[in-house]
Amino acid sequence: FKKGIDSFNDRRYYDAHEFWEELWSEHLLKDALFIQGLIQASVAYFHITNFNLKGSRNLFNKSLPKLKKFPSNHRNFNLIGFISGLEKSKDQVSIIEKTKDFNWDLAPRIVLEK
């Protein structure tokens, strides 16, 4: 889980997806839907790096409803800030025509609260 967070925060979105997908597929988790939402968020950003705006839009739209089902401090995430960053990214991906126009400053970092 932590390796996925570190990868996401380093903008290695494909790696984050791989770490979380292993966790999601190989373990029976009570919050599997949360992990799936993280996987989809990381792949949404990966699609931007891979020139696939349609795929990115699709995965933001799948990720957000899953993550919003969880309390704002689930797994010690600052989920409110994370979701806000995802929504801002989704909004921008909805209006740009080229991936090079994406503002990477919108991509959130995962902040764990104590």
C-alpha atoms as a PDB file:
ATOM      1  CA  PHE A   1       0.000   0.000   0.000  1.00  0.00           C
ATOM      2  CA  LYS A   2       2.751   2.414   0.997  1.00  0.00           C
ATOM      3  CA  LYS A   3       4.735   1.649  -2.164  1.00  0.00           C
ATOM      4  CA  GLY A   4       1.673   2.657  -4.178  1.00  0.00           C
ATOM      5  CA  ILE A   5       1.435   5.934  -2.272  1.00  0.00           C
ATOM      6  CA  ASP A   6       5.125   6.675  -2.785  1.00  0.00           C
ATOM      7  CA  SER A   7       4.855   5.901  -6.500  1.00  0.00           C
ATOM      8  CA  PHE A   8       1.731   8.047  -6.886  1.00  0.00           C
ATOM      9  CA  ASN A   9       3.389  10.972  -5.114  1.00  0.00           C
ATOM     10  CA  ASP A  10       6.440  10.595  -7.380  1.00  0.00           C
ATOM     11  CA  ARG A  11       4.078  10.682 -10.401  1.00  0.00           C
ATOM     12  CA  ARG A  12       4.969   7.128 -11.294  1.00  0.00           C
ATOM     13  CA  TYR A  13       1.314   6.386 -11.878  1.00  0.00           C
ATOM     14  CA  TYR A  14       1.749   3.088 -13.672  1.00  0.00           C
ATOM     15  CA  ASP A  15       3.840   1.751 -10.785  1.00  0.00           C
ATOM     16  CA  ALA A  16       1.264   2.955  -8.244  1.00  0.00           C
ATOM     17  CA  HIS A  17      -1.418   1.136 -10.179  1.00  0.00           C
ATOM     18  CA  GLU A  18       0.669  -2.045 -10.190  1.00  0.00           C
ATOM     19  CA  PHE A  19       1.280  -2.001  -6.422  1.00  0.00           C
ATOM     20  CA  TRP A  20      -2.369  -1.339  -5.625  1.00  0.00           C
ATOM     21  CA  GLU A  21      -3.660  -3.821  -8.169  1.00  0.00           C
ATOM     22  CA  GLU A  22      -1.577  -6.565  -6.573  1.00  0.00           C
ATOM     23  CA  LEU A  23      -3.060  -5.653  -3.198  1.00  0.00           C
ATOM     24  CA  TRP A  24      -6.590  -5.448  -4.644  1.00  0.00           C
ATOM     25  CA  SER A  25      -6.465  -8.717  -6.576  1.00  0.00           C
ATOM     26  CA  GLU A  26      -4.504 -10.909  -4.177  1.00  0.00           C
ATOM     27  CA  HIS A  27      -6.029  -9.987  -0.822  1.00  0.00           C
ATOM     28  CA  LEU A  28      -9.561 -10.047   0.516  1.00  0.00           C
ATOM     29  CA  LEU A  29      -9.925  -6.447   1.665  1.00  0.00           C
ATOM     30  CA  LYS A  30     -12.901  -4.861   3.383  1.00  0.00           C
ATOM     31  CA  ASP A  31     -12.167  -1.682   1.465  1.00  0.00           C
ATOM     32  CA  ALA A  32     -11.436  -3.227  -1.932  1.00  0.00           C
ATOM     33  CA  LEU A  33     -13.621  -0.550  -3.537  1.00  0.00           C
ATOM     34  CA  PHE A  34     -11.334   2.129  -2.094  1.00  0.00           C
ATOM     35  CA  ILE A  35      -8.246   0.423  -3.497  1.00  0.00           C
ATOM     36  CA  GLN A  36     -10.000   0.063  -6.856  1.00  0.00           C
ATOM     37  CA  GLY A  37     -10.710   3.812  -6.793  1.00  0.00           C
ATOM     38  CA  LEU A  38      -7.021   4.506  -6.190  1.00  0.00           C
ATOM     39  CA  ILE A  39      -6.055   2.183  -9.035  1.00  0.00           C
ATOM     40  CA  GLN A  40      -8.440   3.967 -11.380  1.00  0.00           C
ATOM     41  CA  ALA A  41      -7.176   7.397 -10.295  1.00  0.00           C
ATOM     42  CA  SER A  42      -3.581   6.403 -10.935  1.00  0.00           C
ATOM     43  CA  VAL A  43      -4.445   4.995 -14.353  1.00  0.00           C
ATOM     44  CA  ALA A  44      -6.369   8.188 -15.180  1.00  0.00           C
ATOM     45  CA  TYR A  45      -3.122  10.113 -14.723  1.00  0.00           C
ATOM     46  CA  PHE A  46      -1.125   7.467 -16.538  1.00  0.00           C
ATOM     47  CA  HIS A  47      -3.450   7.858 -19.530  1.00  0.00           C
ATOM     48  CA  ILE A  48      -2.576  11.562 -19.657  1.00  0.00           C
ATOM     49  CA  THR A  49       1.094  10.637 -19.952  1.00  0.00           C
ATOM     50  CA  ASN A  50       0.126   8.144 -22.649  1.00  0.00           C
ATOM     51  CA  PHE A  51      -1.810  10.719 -24.777  1.00  0.00           C
ATOM     52  CA  ASN A  52      -5.184   9.111 -24.002  1.00  0.00           C
ATOM     53  CA  LEU A  53      -7.587  11.842 -22.842  1.00  0.00           C
ATOM     54  CA  LYS A  54     -10.680   9.711 -23.427  1.00  0.00           C
ATOM     55  CA  GLY A  55      -9.303   6.944 -21.206  1.00  0.00           C
ATOM     56  CA  SER A  56      -8.311   9.488 -18.574  1.00  0.00           C
ATOM     57  CA  ARG A  57     -11.802  11.034 -18.507  1.00  0.00           C
ATOM     58  CA  ASN A  58     -13.370   7.609 -18.235  1.00  0.00           C
ATOM     59  CA  LEU A  59     -11.214   6.557 -15.306  1.00  0.00           C
ATOM     60  CA  PHE A  60     -11.671   9.803 -13.373  1.00  0.00           C
ATOM     61  CA  ASN A  61     -15.413   9.267 -13.768  1.00  0.00           C
ATOM     62  CA  LYS A  62     -15.106   5.726 -12.417  1.00  0.00           C
ATOM     63  CA  SER A  63     -12.692   6.534  -9.599  1.00  0.00           C
ATOM     64  CA  LEU A  64     -14.392   9.497  -7.951  1.00  0.00           C
ATOM     65  CA  PRO A  65     -17.717   7.843  -6.997  1.00  0.00           C
ATOM     66  CA  LYS A  66     -15.844   4.950  -5.396  1.00  0.00           C
ATOM     67  CA  LEU A  67     -13.559   7.172  -3.323  1.00  0.00           C
ATOM     68  CA  LYS A  68     -16.443   9.419  -2.234  1.00  0.00           C
ATOM     69  CA  LYS A  69     -18.081   6.467  -0.483  1.00  0.00           C
ATOM     70  CA  PHE A  70     -15.391   6.449   2.197  1.00  0.00           C
ATOM     71  CA  PRO A  71     -14.901   8.675   5.261  1.00  0.00           C
ATOM     72  CA  SER A  72     -12.645  11.683   4.798  1.00  0.00           C
ATOM     73  CA  ASN A  73      -9.895  10.065   6.881  1.00  0.00           C
ATOM     74  CA  HIS A  74     -10.094   6.533   5.488  1.00  0.00           C
ATOM     75  CA  ARG A  75      -6.716   4.773   5.836  1.00  0.00           C
ATOM     76  CA  ASN A  76      -5.456   8.052   7.299  1.00  0.00           C
ATOM     77  CA  PHE A  77      -5.797   9.772   3.908  1.00  0.00           C
ATOM     78  CA  ASN A  78      -6.640  13.421   3.611  1.00  0.00           C
ATOM     79  CA  LEU A  79      -9.367  12.197   1.278  1.00  0.00           C
ATOM     80  CA  ILE A  80     -11.076  15.574   0.948  1.00  0.00           C
ATOM     81  CA  GLY A  81      -7.921  17.152  -0.495  1.00  0.00           C
ATOM     82  CA  PHE A  82      -7.199  14.118  -2.658  1.00  0.00           C
ATOM     83  CA  ILE A  83     -10.711  14.047  -4.139  1.00  0.00           C
ATOM     84  CA  SER A  84     -10.582  17.807  -4.716  1.00  0.00           C
ATOM     85  CA  GLY A  85      -7.382  17.379  -6.746  1.00  0.00           C
ATOM     86  CA  LEU A  86      -8.934  14.542  -8.741  1.00  0.00           C
ATOM     87  CA  GLU A  87     -12.010  16.657  -9.490  1.00  0.00           C
ATOM     88  CA  LYS A  88      -9.895  19.604 -10.654  1.00  0.00           C
ATOM     89  CA  SER A  89      -7.868  17.257 -12.860  1.00  0.00           C
ATOM     90  CA  LYS A  90     -11.035  15.674 -14.253  1.00  0.00           C
ATOM     91  CA  ASP A  91     -12.474  19.108 -15.029  1.00  0.00           C
ATOM     92  CA  GLN A  92      -9.353  20.131 -16.910  1.00  0.00           C
ATOM     93  CA  VAL A  93      -9.136  16.843 -18.817  1.00  0.00           C
ATOM     94  CA  SER A  94     -12.740  17.482 -19.894  1.00  0.00           C
ATOM     95  CA  ILE A  95     -11.857  20.762 -21.596  1.00  0.00           C
ATOM     96  CA  ILE A  96      -8.386  20.294 -23.058  1.00  0.00           C
ATOM     97  CA  GLU A  97      -7.805  18.817 -26.473  1.00  0.00           C
ATOM     98  CA  LYS A  98      -4.155  17.817 -26.094  1.00  0.00           C
ATOM     99  CA  THR A  99      -2.515  16.026 -23.185  1.00  0.00           C
ATOM    100  CA  LYS A 100       0.400  18.479 -23.340  1.00  0.00           C
ATOM    101  CA  ASP A 101      -2.035  21.144 -22.090  1.00  0.00           C
ATOM    102  CA  PHE A 102      -2.696  19.335 -18.816  1.00  0.00           C
ATOM    103  CA  ASN A 103      -1.593  21.304 -15.755  1.00  0.00           C
ATOM    104  CA  TRP A 104       0.286  18.782 -13.617  1.00  0.00           C
ATOM    105  CA  ASP A 105       0.082  21.115 -10.633  1.00  0.00           C
ATOM    106  CA  LEU A 106      -3.544  19.948 -10.334  1.00  0.00           C
ATOM    107  CA  ALA A 107      -2.530  16.339  -9.673  1.00  0.00           C
ATOM    108  CA  PRO A 108      -2.855  15.747  -5.933  1.00  0.00           C
ATOM    109  CA  ARG A 109      -0.336  14.186  -3.639  1.00  0.00           C
ATOM    110  CA  ILE A 110      -1.468  11.653  -1.099  1.00  0.00           C
ATOM    111  CA  VAL A 111      -1.097  13.074   2.390  1.00  0.00           C
ATOM    112  CA  LEU A 112      -1.429  10.675   5.277  1.00  0.00           C
ATOM    113  CA  GLU A 113      -2.698  12.140   8.516  1.00  0.00           C
ATOM    114  CA  LYS A 114      -1.588  10.840  11.858  1.00  0.00           C
END
